């Protein structure tokens, strides 16, 4: 499960994401595994959404229930361009 923001992020629907954020969607909302929208964006390589979320106040170092950050999710899902982006944005190894 997840919020509408999680689902729109997972599928890369930028327009829906922006509408949801403009209507007050919670960037910090988590699913049952503790994943937030930034984690979903990183796992799917949604770099444009990552930048949007961080500009809207998402926390780069937020962890899920397993203490994994967005960088962990990008790396484990083979999103190497996203790994580079997150490192460039200040993610710590």
C-alpha atoms as a PDB file:
ATOM      1  CA  UNK A   1       0.000   0.000   0.000  1.00  0.00           C
ATOM      2  CA  UNK A   2       0.868   3.610  -0.188  1.00  0.00           C
ATOM      3  CA  UNK A   3      -0.528   7.073  -0.631  1.00  0.00           C
ATOM      4  CA  UNK A   4      -1.651   8.515  -3.962  1.00  0.00           C
ATOM      5  CA  UNK A   5       1.663  10.422  -3.979  1.00  0.00           C
ATOM      6  CA  UNK A   6       3.587   7.155  -3.647  1.00  0.00           C
ATOM      7  CA  UNK A   7       1.662   5.597  -6.519  1.00  0.00           C
ATOM      8  CA  UNK A   8       2.051   8.613  -8.821  1.00  0.00           C
ATOM      9  CA  UNK A   9       5.769   8.692  -7.998  1.00  0.00           C
ATOM     10  CA  UNK A  10       6.198   4.976  -8.646  1.00  0.00           C
ATOM     11  CA  UNK A  11       4.679   5.365 -12.115  1.00  0.00           C
ATOM     12  CA  UNK A  12       6.486   8.642 -12.825  1.00  0.00           C
ATOM     13  CA  UNK A  13       3.344  10.692 -13.330  1.00  0.00           C
ATOM     14  CA  UNK A  14       4.835  14.171 -12.874  1.00  0.00           C
ATOM     15  CA  UNK A  15       1.603  16.069 -13.455  1.00  0.00           C
ATOM     16  CA  UNK A  16      -0.271  14.060 -10.838  1.00  0.00           C
ATOM     17  CA  UNK A  17       2.615  14.419  -8.381  1.00  0.00           C
ATOM     18  CA  UNK A  18       2.593  18.201  -8.769  1.00  0.00           C
ATOM     19  CA  UNK A  19      -1.195  18.366  -8.350  1.00  0.00           C
ATOM     20  CA  UNK A  20      -1.023  16.239  -5.204  1.00  0.00           C
ATOM     21  CA  UNK A  21       1.796  18.333  -3.735  1.00  0.00           C
ATOM     22  CA  UNK A  22      -0.037  21.561  -4.538  1.00  0.00           C
ATOM     23  CA  UNK A  23      -3.065  20.167  -2.703  1.00  0.00           C
ATOM     24  CA  UNK A  24      -1.013  19.403   0.399  1.00  0.00           C
ATOM     25  CA  UNK A  25       0.144  15.802  -0.037  1.00  0.00           C
ATOM     26  CA  UNK A  26       2.528  14.837   2.748  1.00  0.00           C
ATOM     27  CA  UNK A  27       6.072  14.169   1.465  1.00  0.00           C
ATOM     28  CA  UNK A  28       6.901  12.438   4.741  1.00  0.00           C
ATOM     29  CA  UNK A  29       3.986   9.967   4.595  1.00  0.00           C
ATOM     30  CA  UNK A  30       5.194   6.373   4.683  1.00  0.00           C
ATOM     31  CA  UNK A  31       3.862   3.020   3.578  1.00  0.00           C
ATOM     32  CA  UNK A  32       3.884  -0.133   5.723  1.00  0.00           C
ATOM     33  CA  UNK A  33       7.611  -0.647   5.022  1.00  0.00           C
ATOM     34  CA  UNK A  34       8.448   2.918   6.003  1.00  0.00           C
ATOM     35  CA  UNK A  35       9.103   4.108   2.453  1.00  0.00           C
ATOM     36  CA  UNK A  36       8.262   7.694   1.561  1.00  0.00           C
ATOM     37  CA  UNK A  37       7.904   9.317  -1.866  1.00  0.00           C
ATOM     38  CA  UNK A  38      11.640  10.063  -2.100  1.00  0.00           C
ATOM     39  CA  UNK A  39      12.468   6.386  -1.541  1.00  0.00           C
ATOM     40  CA  UNK A  40      10.044   5.386  -4.309  1.00  0.00           C
ATOM     41  CA  UNK A  41      11.485   8.000  -6.669  1.00  0.00           C
ATOM     42  CA  UNK A  42      15.039   6.820  -6.014  1.00  0.00           C
ATOM     43  CA  UNK A  43      14.195   3.147  -6.511  1.00  0.00           C
ATOM     44  CA  UNK A  44      12.566   3.902  -9.867  1.00  0.00           C
ATOM     45  CA  UNK A  45      15.185   6.396 -11.093  1.00  0.00           C
ATOM     46  CA  UNK A  46      12.774   9.328 -11.103  1.00  0.00           C
ATOM     47  CA  UNK A  47      15.471  12.010 -10.964  1.00  0.00           C
ATOM     48  CA  UNK A  48      13.179  14.896 -11.854  1.00  0.00           C
ATOM     49  CA  UNK A  49      10.849  13.953  -9.001  1.00  0.00           C
ATOM     50  CA  UNK A  50      13.773  13.599  -6.602  1.00  0.00           C
ATOM     51  CA  UNK A  51      14.786  17.185  -7.352  1.00  0.00           C
ATOM     52  CA  UNK A  52      11.183  18.350  -6.953  1.00  0.00           C
ATOM     53  CA  UNK A  53      10.778  16.555  -3.622  1.00  0.00           C
ATOM     54  CA  UNK A  54      14.031  17.921  -2.228  1.00  0.00           C
ATOM     55  CA  UNK A  55      13.077  21.431  -3.347  1.00  0.00           C
ATOM     56  CA  UNK A  56       9.765  20.944  -1.525  1.00  0.00           C
ATOM     57  CA  UNK A  57      11.479  19.941   1.711  1.00  0.00           C
ATOM     58  CA  UNK A  58      11.910  16.170   1.515  1.00  0.00           C
ATOM     59  CA  UNK A  59      14.659  14.910   3.789  1.00  0.00           C
ATOM     60  CA  UNK A  60      17.589  13.376   1.887  1.00  0.00           C
ATOM     61  CA  UNK A  61      18.563  11.216   4.875  1.00  0.00           C
ATOM     62  CA  UNK A  62      15.088   9.881   5.743  1.00  0.00           C
ATOM     63  CA  UNK A  63      15.207   6.142   6.408  1.00  0.00           C
ATOM     64  CA  UNK A  64      12.682   3.359   6.004  1.00  0.00           C
ATOM     65  CA  UNK A  65      11.996   0.651   8.607  1.00  0.00           C
ATOM     66  CA  UNK A  66      15.228  -1.103   7.569  1.00  0.00           C
ATOM     67  CA  UNK A  67      17.229   2.129   8.044  1.00  0.00           C
ATOM     68  CA  UNK A  68      17.744   2.489   4.271  1.00  0.00           C
ATOM     69  CA  UNK A  69      17.933   5.920   2.648  1.00  0.00           C
ATOM     70  CA  UNK A  70      17.019   6.976  -0.883  1.00  0.00           C
ATOM     71  CA  UNK A  71      20.641   6.294  -1.853  1.00  0.00           C
ATOM     72  CA  UNK A  72      20.309   2.699  -0.644  1.00  0.00           C
ATOM     73  CA  UNK A  73      17.144   2.238  -2.704  1.00  0.00           C
ATOM     74  CA  UNK A  74      18.694   3.693  -5.856  1.00  0.00           C
ATOM     75  CA  UNK A  75      21.809   1.550  -5.502  1.00  0.00           C
ATOM     76  CA  UNK A  76      19.968  -1.688  -4.748  1.00  0.00           C
ATOM     77  CA  UNK A  77      17.657  -1.188  -7.734  1.00  0.00           C
ATOM     78  CA  UNK A  78      20.516  -0.439 -10.144  1.00  0.00           C
ATOM     79  CA  UNK A  79      19.619   3.217 -10.682  1.00  0.00           C
ATOM     80  CA  UNK A  80      23.194   4.380 -11.198  1.00  0.00           C
ATOM     81  CA  UNK A  81      22.319   7.772 -12.657  1.00  0.00           C
ATOM     82  CA  UNK A  82      20.165   8.388  -9.601  1.00  0.00           C
ATOM     83  CA  UNK A  83      22.989   7.254  -7.319  1.00  0.00           C
ATOM     84  CA  UNK A  84      25.211   9.894  -8.928  1.00  0.00           C
ATOM     85  CA  UNK A  85      22.493  12.549  -8.575  1.00  0.00           C
ATOM     86  CA  UNK A  86      21.943  11.776  -4.891  1.00  0.00           C
ATOM     87  CA  UNK A  87      25.680  11.890  -4.219  1.00  0.00           C
ATOM     88  CA  UNK A  88      25.929  15.207  -6.072  1.00  0.00           C
ATOM     89  CA  UNK A  89      23.066  16.516  -3.925  1.00  0.00           C
ATOM     90  CA  UNK A  90      24.932  15.633  -0.749  1.00  0.00           C
ATOM     91  CA  UNK A  91      23.915  12.085   0.121  1.00  0.00           C
ATOM     92  CA  UNK A  92      26.490  10.486   2.367  1.00  0.00           C
ATOM     93  CA  UNK A  93      27.956   7.080   1.659  1.00  0.00           C
END
